[in-house]
């Protein structure tokens, strides 16, 4: 499997503040890779360096085989970017805006098809200023994918989306991944990372503190399970490494159905909070 993004020893300082303190990353071609971390952790600085918008102090960076510190026009045509905040042309319509940006790319998608995929067909002839915040965010996504990018950066892409719009966006991302697009996602929605990403990297204090599949991150798959049930009106919980045996014992005790039985392992959110709150 080829590598779309390779980072070794990346550092960046702002005066006395060390924003990025030696990050290593390997992002495979065609995967959805999520970078998670609290505000100020260094993830946005890292992504901006990968996009070619910010210089680094030291380290080796390769994005689609090119150093983003010396980007070319051809390289920029191969990537798509959805920034956390964007300035749009308020008086232009959705269709005018997407068609305009399509002209910048040699292999652009059909603007009307992209507008449909982000759920804005009914708003295509509306001026941008007439859209809600969530609808404007969908325009940002449309502009990010209009160039049929090989690599797509998404920085908090579903901020302002309602639940239905978020689910529709997830389907769009899955369809892009099936077509071979590499996607780098930063998000504060852990359910979004779990639903979309094949691997995640957790950044805290300017360093990677954990990396892996969402289901196994931080030892999640091998952590003790919590078995909970109702007993005489009281809720009881047992942490165990053998949940199947515990459930079997409870089944015998209750002679069949165990009242309000649940079996869970630590959620991605619980593991994430432990990782970012751990002392350096």
C-alpha atoms as a PDB file:
ATOM      1  CA  UNK A   1       0.000   0.000   0.000  1.00  0.00           C
ATOM      2  CA  UNK A   2       1.431   3.387  -1.005  1.00  0.00           C
ATOM      3  CA  UNK A   3       1.740   6.369   1.307  1.00  0.00           C
ATOM      4  CA  UNK A   4      -0.028   9.638   0.486  1.00  0.00           C
ATOM      5  CA  UNK A   5       1.372  11.616   3.425  1.00  0.00           C
ATOM      6  CA  UNK A   6       4.644  11.015   5.256  1.00  0.00           C
ATOM      7  CA  UNK A   7       5.787  13.186   8.164  1.00  0.00           C
ATOM      8  CA  UNK A   8       8.907  12.791  10.288  1.00  0.00           C
ATOM      9  CA  UNK A   9       9.968  14.982  13.207  1.00  0.00           C
ATOM     10  CA  UNK A  10       7.661  17.904  12.352  1.00  0.00           C
ATOM     11  CA  UNK A  11       8.105  20.962  14.584  1.00  0.00           C
ATOM     12  CA  UNK A  12       6.625  24.458  14.666  1.00  0.00           C
ATOM     13  CA  UNK A  13       6.985  27.249  17.213  1.00  0.00           C
ATOM     14  CA  UNK A  14       5.169  30.550  17.635  1.00  0.00           C
ATOM     15  CA  UNK A  15       7.566  32.610  19.722  1.00  0.00           C
ATOM     16  CA  UNK A  16       7.961  30.800  23.034  1.00  0.00           C
ATOM     17  CA  UNK A  17       5.070  28.426  22.325  1.00  0.00           C
ATOM     18  CA  UNK A  18       5.865  24.987  20.904  1.00  0.00           C
ATOM     19  CA  UNK A  19       2.777  24.239  18.796  1.00  0.00           C
ATOM     20  CA  UNK A  20       4.134  21.050  17.214  1.00  0.00           C
ATOM     21  CA  UNK A  21       6.891  19.128  18.966  1.00  0.00           C
ATOM     22  CA  UNK A  22       8.059  16.300  16.737  1.00  0.00           C
ATOM     23  CA  UNK A  23       5.090  14.667  15.013  1.00  0.00           C
ATOM     24  CA  UNK A  24       5.424  11.551  12.841  1.00  0.00           C
ATOM     25  CA  UNK A  25       2.595  10.459  10.533  1.00  0.00           C
ATOM     26  CA  UNK A  26       2.043   7.921   7.766  1.00  0.00           C
ATOM     27  CA  UNK A  27      -1.266   8.226   5.916  1.00  0.00           C
ATOM     28  CA  UNK A  28      -1.992   5.532   3.366  1.00  0.00           C
ATOM     29  CA  UNK A  29      -3.356   6.212  -0.082  1.00  0.00           C
ATOM     30  CA  UNK A  30      -7.134   5.806  -0.158  1.00  0.00           C
ATOM     31  CA  UNK A  31      -7.766   5.765   3.588  1.00  0.00           C
ATOM     32  CA  UNK A  32      -9.803   8.103   5.770  1.00  0.00           C
ATOM     33  CA  UNK A  33      -7.434   9.272   8.495  1.00  0.00           C
ATOM     34  CA  UNK A  34      -8.695  11.347  11.422  1.00  0.00           C
ATOM     35  CA  UNK A  35      -6.514  13.649  13.522  1.00  0.00           C
ATOM     36  CA  UNK A  36      -8.070  14.261  16.920  1.00  0.00           C
ATOM     37  CA  UNK A  37      -7.039  16.548  19.740  1.00  0.00           C
ATOM     38  CA  UNK A  38      -8.206  19.390  21.971  1.00  0.00           C
ATOM     39  CA  UNK A  39      -7.945  23.030  20.970  1.00  0.00           C
ATOM     40  CA  UNK A  40      -4.310  24.130  21.025  1.00  0.00           C
ATOM     41  CA  UNK A  41      -2.989  20.588  20.642  1.00  0.00           C
ATOM     42  CA  UNK A  42      -1.227  21.355  17.354  1.00  0.00           C
ATOM     43  CA  UNK A  43      -3.483  19.465  14.965  1.00  0.00           C
ATOM     44  CA  UNK A  44      -4.618  22.505  12.962  1.00  0.00           C
ATOM     45  CA  UNK A  45      -1.024  23.748  12.608  1.00  0.00           C
ATOM     46  CA  UNK A  46       0.021  20.291  11.441  1.00  0.00           C
ATOM     47  CA  UNK A  47      -2.740  20.122   8.836  1.00  0.00           C
ATOM     48  CA  UNK A  48      -2.009  23.655   7.595  1.00  0.00           C
ATOM     49  CA  UNK A  49       1.629  22.631   7.047  1.00  0.00           C
ATOM     50  CA  UNK A  50       0.475  19.572   5.093  1.00  0.00           C
ATOM     51  CA  UNK A  51      -1.789  21.793   2.978  1.00  0.00           C
ATOM     52  CA  UNK A  52       1.083  24.150   2.153  1.00  0.00           C
ATOM     53  CA  UNK A  53      -0.483  27.112   3.941  1.00  0.00           C
ATOM     54  CA  UNK A  54       2.031  27.310   6.789  1.00  0.00           C
ATOM     55  CA  UNK A  55       5.794  26.860   6.957  1.00  0.00           C
ATOM     56  CA  UNK A  56       7.479  24.419   9.343  1.00  0.00           C
ATOM     57  CA  UNK A  57      10.539  24.944  11.508  1.00  0.00           C
ATOM     58  CA  UNK A  58      11.986  21.479  10.972  1.00  0.00           C
ATOM     59  CA  UNK A  59      11.133  17.941   9.921  1.00  0.00           C
ATOM     60  CA  UNK A  60      10.473  16.060   6.713  1.00  0.00           C
ATOM     61  CA  UNK A  61       7.069  16.294   5.012  1.00  0.00           C
ATOM     62  CA  UNK A  62       5.877  14.637   1.806  1.00  0.00           C
ATOM     63  CA  UNK A  63       2.314  15.032   0.507  1.00  0.00           C
ATOM     64  CA  UNK A  64       1.539  13.146  -2.710  1.00  0.00           C
ATOM     65  CA  UNK A  65       5.281  12.941  -3.224  1.00  0.00           C
ATOM     66  CA  UNK A  66       5.814  16.719  -2.969  1.00  0.00           C
ATOM     67  CA  UNK A  67       7.179  18.908  -0.179  1.00  0.00           C
ATOM     68  CA  UNK A  68       4.233  21.236   0.607  1.00  0.00           C
ATOM     69  CA  UNK A  69       6.758  23.876   1.653  1.00  0.00           C
ATOM     70  CA  UNK A  70       7.501  24.367  -2.048  1.00  0.00           C
ATOM     71  CA  UNK A  71       4.132  23.702  -3.676  1.00  0.00           C
ATOM     72  CA  UNK A  72       3.478  23.777  -7.403  1.00  0.00           C
ATOM     73  CA  UNK A  73       0.284  24.694  -9.216  1.00  0.00           C
ATOM     74  CA  UNK A  74      -0.020  21.116 -10.502  1.00  0.00           C
ATOM     75  CA  UNK A  75       0.289  19.779  -6.937  1.00  0.00           C
ATOM     76  CA  UNK A  76      -2.376  22.164  -5.649  1.00  0.00           C
ATOM     77  CA  UNK A  77      -4.760  20.914  -8.339  1.00  0.00           C
ATOM     78  CA  UNK A  78      -4.458  17.414  -6.834  1.00  0.00           C
ATOM     79  CA  UNK A  79      -5.605  18.380  -3.335  1.00  0.00           C
ATOM     80  CA  UNK A  80      -8.872  19.708  -1.954  1.00  0.00           C
ATOM     81  CA  UNK A  81      -9.248  21.732   1.221  1.00  0.00           C
ATOM     82  CA  UNK A  82     -12.259  22.493   3.404  1.00  0.00           C
ATOM     83  CA  UNK A  83     -11.042  25.042   5.944  1.00  0.00           C
ATOM     84  CA  UNK A  84     -12.523  25.436   9.416  1.00  0.00           C
ATOM     85  CA  UNK A  85     -13.672  28.919   8.429  1.00  0.00           C
ATOM     86  CA  UNK A  86     -14.037  30.284   4.919  1.00  0.00           C
ATOM     87  CA  UNK A  87     -14.901  33.601   3.318  1.00  0.00           C
ATOM     88  CA  UNK A  88     -17.486  33.244   0.591  1.00  0.00           C
ATOM     89  CA  UNK A  89     -18.851  35.568  -2.073  1.00  0.00           C
ATOM     90  CA  UNK A  90     -22.118  36.522  -0.429  1.00  0.00           C
ATOM     91  CA  UNK A  91     -23.794  37.956  -3.536  1.00  0.00           C
ATOM     92  CA  UNK A  92     -23.059  34.999  -5.839  1.00  0.00           C
ATOM     93  CA  UNK A  93     -25.424  32.056  -6.054  1.00  0.00           C
ATOM     94  CA  UNK A  94     -24.452  28.533  -5.047  1.00  0.00           C
ATOM     95  CA  UNK A  95     -24.322  27.418  -8.692  1.00  0.00           C
ATOM     96  CA  UNK A  96     -22.277  30.447  -9.785  1.00  0.00           C
ATOM     97  CA  UNK A  97     -19.778  29.874  -6.971  1.00  0.00           C
ATOM     98  CA  UNK A  98     -19.276  26.166  -7.639  1.00  0.00           C
ATOM     99  CA  UNK A  99     -19.030  26.692 -11.413  1.00  0.00           C
ATOM    100  CA  UNK A 100     -16.494  29.469 -10.888  1.00  0.00           C
ATOM    101  CA  UNK A 101     -14.230  27.280  -8.737  1.00  0.00           C
ATOM    102  CA  UNK A 102     -14.562  24.384 -11.170  1.00  0.00           C
ATOM    103  CA  UNK A 103     -12.666  26.439 -13.755  1.00  0.00           C
ATOM    104  CA  UNK A 104      -9.558  26.375 -11.565  1.00  0.00           C
ATOM    105  CA  UNK A 105      -9.081  22.604 -11.948  1.00  0.00           C
ATOM    106  CA  UNK A 106      -8.025  20.537 -14.958  1.00  0.00           C
ATOM    107  CA  UNK A 107     -10.186  17.546 -13.946  1.00  0.00           C
ATOM    108  CA  UNK A 108     -13.165  19.223 -12.304  1.00  0.00           C
ATOM    109  CA  UNK A 109     -16.360  17.384 -11.448  1.00  0.00           C
ATOM    110  CA  UNK A 110     -19.689  18.451 -12.909  1.00  0.00           C
ATOM    111  CA  UNK A 111     -20.824  21.400 -10.731  1.00  0.00           C
ATOM    112  CA  UNK A 112     -24.499  20.416 -10.688  1.00  0.00           C
ATOM    113  CA  UNK A 113     -23.625  16.850  -9.628  1.00  0.00           C
ATOM    114  CA  UNK A 114     -21.460  18.153  -6.794  1.00  0.00           C
ATOM    115  CA  UNK A 115     -24.223  20.510  -5.665  1.00  0.00           C
ATOM    116  CA  UNK A 116     -26.605  17.547  -5.574  1.00  0.00           C
ATOM    117  CA  UNK A 117     -24.136  15.402  -3.612  1.00  0.00           C
ATOM    118  CA  UNK A 118     -23.849  18.009  -0.848  1.00  0.00           C
ATOM    119  CA  UNK A 119     -27.622  18.396  -0.683  1.00  0.00           C
ATOM    120  CA  UNK A 120     -28.001  21.897  -2.116  1.00  0.00           C
ATOM    121  CA  UNK A 121     -29.889  21.310  -5.377  1.00  0.00           C
ATOM    122  CA  UNK A 122     -32.950  23.190  -4.096  1.00  0.00           C
ATOM    123  CA  UNK A 123     -30.715  26.096  -3.049  1.00  0.00           C
ATOM    124  CA  UNK A 124     -28.569  26.183  -6.197  1.00  0.00           C
ATOM    125  CA  UNK A 125     -29.952  29.528  -7.385  1.00  0.00           C
ATOM    126  CA  UNK A 126     -29.972  31.149  -3.945  1.00  0.00           C
ATOM    127  CA  UNK A 127     -27.371  33.757  -3.086  1.00  0.00           C
ATOM    128  CA  UNK A 128     -24.829  32.616  -0.525  1.00  0.00           C
ATOM    129  CA  UNK A 129     -25.928  35.327   1.910  1.00  0.00           C
ATOM    130  CA  UNK A 130     -29.429  33.803   1.941  1.00  0.00           C
ATOM    131  CA  UNK A 131     -28.218  30.433   3.217  1.00  0.00           C
ATOM    132  CA  UNK A 132     -28.098  29.192   6.784  1.00  0.00           C
ATOM    133  CA  UNK A 133     -24.754  28.536   8.473  1.00  0.00           C
ATOM    134  CA  UNK A 134     -25.042  24.801   7.848  1.00  0.00           C
ATOM    135  CA  UNK A 135     -25.904  25.352   4.194  1.00  0.00           C
ATOM    136  CA  UNK A 136     -22.907  27.667   3.748  1.00  0.00           C
ATOM    137  CA  UNK A 137     -20.769  24.911   5.225  1.00  0.00           C
ATOM    138  CA  UNK A 138     -22.067  22.552   2.540  1.00  0.00           C
ATOM    139  CA  UNK A 139     -20.937  25.072  -0.075  1.00  0.00           C
ATOM    140  CA  UNK A 140     -17.458  24.907   1.498  1.00  0.00           C
ATOM    141  CA  UNK A 141     -17.520  21.119   1.111  1.00  0.00           C
ATOM    142  CA  UNK A 142     -18.649  21.432  -2.528  1.00  0.00           C
ATOM    143  CA  UNK A 143     -15.712  23.735  -3.269  1.00  0.00           C
ATOM    144  CA  UNK A 144     -13.371  21.272  -1.574  1.00  0.00           C
ATOM    145  CA  UNK A 145     -14.397  18.350  -3.781  1.00  0.00           C
ATOM    146  CA  UNK A 146     -15.153  20.105  -7.087  1.00  0.00           C
ATOM    147  CA  UNK A 147     -11.601  19.508  -8.362  1.00  0.00           C
ATOM    148  CA  UNK A 148     -11.840  15.699  -7.970  1.00  0.00           C
ATOM    149  CA  UNK A 149      -8.908  15.755  -5.510  1.00  0.00           C
ATOM    150  CA  UNK A 150      -6.621  12.800  -4.898  1.00  0.00           C
ATOM    151  CA  UNK A 151      -6.244  14.040  -1.319  1.00  0.00           C
ATOM    152  CA  UNK A 152      -8.940  15.930   0.582  1.00  0.00           C
ATOM    153  CA  UNK A 153      -8.349  17.856   3.820  1.00  0.00           C
ATOM    154  CA  UNK A 154     -11.445  18.374   5.964  1.00  0.00           C
ATOM    155  CA  UNK A 155     -11.090  20.677   8.991  1.00  0.00           C
ATOM    156  CA  UNK A 156     -14.182  20.406  11.213  1.00  0.00           C
ATOM    157  CA  UNK A 157     -16.336  19.929   8.086  1.00  0.00           C
ATOM    158  CA  UNK A 158     -19.736  19.324   9.725  1.00  0.00           C
ATOM    159  CA  UNK A 159     -19.786  22.280  12.125  1.00  0.00           C
ATOM    160  CA  UNK A 160     -23.294  23.710  11.977  1.00  0.00           C
ATOM    161  CA  UNK A 161     -24.826  20.662  10.282  1.00  0.00           C
ATOM    162  CA  UNK A 162     -28.062  19.207  11.574  1.00  0.00           C
ATOM    163  CA  UNK A 163     -28.093  15.407  12.186  1.00  0.00           C
ATOM    164  CA  UNK A 164     -29.603  14.621   8.771  1.00  0.00           C
ATOM    165  CA  UNK A 165     -27.054  16.797   6.955  1.00  0.00           C
ATOM    166  CA  UNK A 166     -24.199  15.179   8.900  1.00  0.00           C
ATOM    167  CA  UNK A 167     -25.335  11.696   7.881  1.00  0.00           C
ATOM    168  CA  UNK A 168     -25.620  12.771   4.244  1.00  0.00           C
ATOM    169  CA  UNK A 169     -22.132  14.235   4.428  1.00  0.00           C
ATOM    170  CA  UNK A 170     -20.819  10.956   5.856  1.00  0.00           C
ATOM    171  CA  UNK A 171     -22.213   9.133   2.837  1.00  0.00           C
ATOM    172  CA  UNK A 172     -20.431  11.611   0.557  1.00  0.00           C
ATOM    173  CA  UNK A 173     -17.120  10.966   2.330  1.00  0.00           C
ATOM    174  CA  UNK A 174     -17.607   7.203   2.114  1.00  0.00           C
ATOM    175  CA  UNK A 175     -18.307   7.469  -1.613  1.00  0.00           C
ATOM    176  CA  UNK A 176     -15.142   9.521  -2.128  1.00  0.00           C
ATOM    177  CA  UNK A 177     -13.117   6.964  -0.186  1.00  0.00           C
ATOM    178  CA  UNK A 178     -14.536   4.146  -2.323  1.00  0.00           C
ATOM    179  CA  UNK A 179     -13.293   6.042  -5.388  1.00  0.00           C
ATOM    180  CA  UNK A 180      -9.778   6.049  -3.930  1.00  0.00           C
ATOM    181  CA  UNK A 181      -9.638   9.576  -2.496  1.00  0.00           C
ATOM    182  CA  UNK A 182      -7.351   9.924   0.517  1.00  0.00           C
ATOM    183  CA  UNK A 183      -9.083  11.945   3.227  1.00  0.00           C
ATOM    184  CA  UNK A 184      -7.513  13.689   6.213  1.00  0.00           C
ATOM    185  CA  UNK A 185     -10.188  14.679   8.718  1.00  0.00           C
ATOM    186  CA  UNK A 186      -9.998  16.800  11.856  1.00  0.00           C
ATOM    187  CA  UNK A 187     -13.128  16.813  13.976  1.00  0.00           C
ATOM    188  CA  UNK A 188     -14.341  17.287  17.529  1.00  0.00           C
ATOM    189  CA  UNK A 189     -17.184  14.836  16.885  1.00  0.00           C
ATOM    190  CA  UNK A 190     -15.793  11.484  18.009  1.00  0.00           C
ATOM    191  CA  UNK A 191     -18.774   9.602  16.572  1.00  0.00           C
ATOM    192  CA  UNK A 192     -17.834  11.124  13.204  1.00  0.00           C
ATOM    193  CA  UNK A 193     -14.258   9.873  13.489  1.00  0.00           C
ATOM    194  CA  UNK A 194     -15.479   6.434  14.526  1.00  0.00           C
ATOM    195  CA  UNK A 195     -17.980   6.269  11.665  1.00  0.00           C
ATOM    196  CA  UNK A 196     -15.614   7.425   8.924  1.00  0.00           C
ATOM    197  CA  UNK A 197     -11.971   6.827   9.797  1.00  0.00           C
ATOM    198  CA  UNK A 198     -10.046   3.622   9.238  1.00  0.00           C
ATOM    199  CA  UNK A 199      -7.328   4.995  11.545  1.00  0.00           C
ATOM    200  CA  UNK A 200      -7.066   7.886  13.976  1.00  0.00           C
ATOM    201  CA  UNK A 201      -4.171   9.804  15.497  1.00  0.00           C
ATOM    202  CA  UNK A 202      -4.627  11.608  18.816  1.00  0.00           C
ATOM    203  CA  UNK A 203      -2.502  14.739  19.228  1.00  0.00           C
ATOM    204  CA  UNK A 204      -1.924  16.442  22.581  1.00  0.00           C
ATOM    205  CA  UNK A 205       0.729  18.950  23.552  1.00  0.00           C
ATOM    206  CA  UNK A 206       2.065  19.034  20.002  1.00  0.00           C
ATOM    207  CA  UNK A 207       2.801  15.299  19.906  1.00  0.00           C
ATOM    208  CA  UNK A 208       1.059  12.114  18.810  1.00  0.00           C
ATOM    209  CA  UNK A 209      -0.011  10.296  21.989  1.00  0.00           C
ATOM    210  CA  UNK A 210      -1.819   7.389  20.324  1.00  0.00           C
ATOM    211  CA  UNK A 211      -2.586   6.050  16.864  1.00  0.00           C
ATOM    212  CA  UNK A 212      -4.576   3.121  15.535  1.00  0.00           C
ATOM    213  CA  UNK A 213      -7.985   1.892  14.460  1.00  0.00           C
ATOM    214  CA  UNK A 214     -10.898   3.481  16.350  1.00  0.00           C
ATOM    215  CA  UNK A 215     -11.972   0.095  17.731  1.00  0.00           C
ATOM    216  CA  UNK A 216      -8.550  -0.653  19.232  1.00  0.00           C
ATOM    217  CA  UNK A 217      -7.228   2.824  20.100  1.00  0.00           C
ATOM    218  CA  UNK A 218      -5.604   3.020  23.514  1.00  0.00           C
ATOM    219  CA  UNK A 219      -6.194  -0.671  24.225  1.00  0.00           C
ATOM    220  CA  UNK A 220      -9.914  -0.190  23.834  1.00  0.00           C
ATOM    221  CA  UNK A 221     -10.607  -3.655  22.405  1.00  0.00           C
ATOM    222  CA  UNK A 222      -8.808  -5.435  25.252  1.00  0.00           C
ATOM    223  CA  UNK A 223     -10.070  -3.214  28.088  1.00  0.00           C
ATOM    224  CA  UNK A 224     -12.360  -4.631  30.724  1.00  0.00           C
ATOM    225  CA  UNK A 225     -16.024  -4.779  29.780  1.00  0.00           C
ATOM    226  CA  UNK A 226     -18.777  -3.286  31.907  1.00  0.00           C
ATOM    227  CA  UNK A 227     -21.700  -5.613  32.517  1.00  0.00           C
ATOM    228  CA  UNK A 228     -24.732  -3.819  33.973  1.00  0.00           C
ATOM    229  CA  UNK A 229     -28.126  -5.125  35.030  1.00  0.00           C
ATOM    230  CA  UNK A 230     -31.063  -4.344  37.299  1.00  0.00           C
ATOM    231  CA  UNK A 231     -31.373  -6.295  40.547  1.00  0.00           C
ATOM    232  CA  UNK A 232     -34.298  -5.625  42.858  1.00  0.00           C
ATOM    233  CA  UNK A 233     -34.719  -2.126  41.484  1.00  0.00           C
ATOM    234  CA  UNK A 234     -31.040  -1.265  41.865  1.00  0.00           C
ATOM    235  CA  UNK A 235     -28.591  -0.820  39.017  1.00  0.00           C
ATOM    236  CA  UNK A 236     -25.495  -2.993  39.364  1.00  0.00           C
ATOM    237  CA  UNK A 237     -22.312  -2.855  37.300  1.00  0.00           C
ATOM    238  CA  UNK A 238     -19.330  -5.213  37.157  1.00  0.00           C
ATOM    239  CA  UNK A 239     -16.080  -4.635  35.281  1.00  0.00           C
ATOM    240  CA  UNK A 240     -14.717  -7.910  33.982  1.00  0.00           C
ATOM    241  CA  UNK A 241     -12.287  -9.420  31.487  1.00  0.00           C
ATOM    242  CA  UNK A 242     -14.720 -12.298  30.904  1.00  0.00           C
ATOM    243  CA  UNK A 243     -18.067 -10.676  30.063  1.00  0.00           C
ATOM    244  CA  UNK A 244     -19.476 -13.784  28.368  1.00  0.00           C
ATOM    245  CA  UNK A 245     -18.937 -15.852  31.511  1.00  0.00           C
ATOM    246  CA  UNK A 246     -20.483 -13.110  33.640  1.00  0.00           C
ATOM    247  CA  UNK A 247     -23.572 -12.939  31.428  1.00  0.00           C
ATOM    248  CA  UNK A 248     -23.899 -16.739  31.560  1.00  0.00           C
ATOM    249  CA  UNK A 249     -23.763 -16.663  35.370  1.00  0.00           C
ATOM    250  CA  UNK A 250     -26.379 -13.907  35.458  1.00  0.00           C
ATOM    251  CA  UNK A 251     -28.599 -15.878  33.074  1.00  0.00           C
ATOM    252  CA  UNK A 252     -28.559 -18.831  35.484  1.00  0.00           C
ATOM    253  CA  UNK A 253     -29.165 -16.555  38.461  1.00  0.00           C
ATOM    254  CA  UNK A 254     -32.208 -14.944  36.893  1.00  0.00           C
ATOM    255  CA  UNK A 255     -33.389 -18.153  35.239  1.00  0.00           C
ATOM    256  CA  UNK A 256     -33.331 -16.716  31.732  1.00  0.00           C
ATOM    257  CA  UNK A 257     -33.654 -13.040  30.852  1.00  0.00           C
ATOM    258  CA  UNK A 258     -31.411 -10.672  32.799  1.00  0.00           C
ATOM    259  CA  UNK A 259     -33.273  -7.433  33.621  1.00  0.00           C
ATOM    260  CA  UNK A 260     -31.946  -4.412  31.672  1.00  0.00           C
ATOM    261  CA  UNK A 261     -28.730  -6.178  30.717  1.00  0.00           C
ATOM    262  CA  UNK A 262     -26.031  -4.165  28.918  1.00  0.00           C
ATOM    263  CA  UNK A 263     -22.453  -5.089  28.024  1.00  0.00           C
ATOM    264  CA  UNK A 264     -20.115  -2.275  26.973  1.00  0.00           C
ATOM    265  CA  UNK A 265     -16.429  -1.549  26.562  1.00  0.00           C
ATOM    266  CA  UNK A 266     -14.882   1.913  26.916  1.00  0.00           C
ATOM    267  CA  UNK A 267     -16.200   4.285  24.268  1.00  0.00           C
ATOM    268  CA  UNK A 268     -13.895   6.156  21.909  1.00  0.00           C
ATOM    269  CA  UNK A 269     -14.748   9.308  23.845  1.00  0.00           C
ATOM    270  CA  UNK A 270     -13.656   7.772  27.155  1.00  0.00           C
ATOM    271  CA  UNK A 271     -10.376   6.543  25.676  1.00  0.00           C
ATOM    272  CA  UNK A 272      -9.773   9.889  23.961  1.00  0.00           C
ATOM    273  CA  UNK A 273     -10.315  11.851  27.181  1.00  0.00           C
ATOM    274  CA  UNK A 274      -7.907   9.591  29.052  1.00  0.00           C
ATOM    275  CA  UNK A 275      -5.268  10.100  26.357  1.00  0.00           C
ATOM    276  CA  UNK A 276      -5.476  13.889  26.141  1.00  0.00           C
ATOM    277  CA  UNK A 277      -5.732  14.374  29.916  1.00  0.00           C
ATOM    278  CA  UNK A 278      -2.786  12.102  30.752  1.00  0.00           C
ATOM    279  CA  UNK A 279       0.243  13.980  32.145  1.00  0.00           C
ATOM    280  CA  UNK A 280       3.087  14.484  29.657  1.00  0.00           C
END
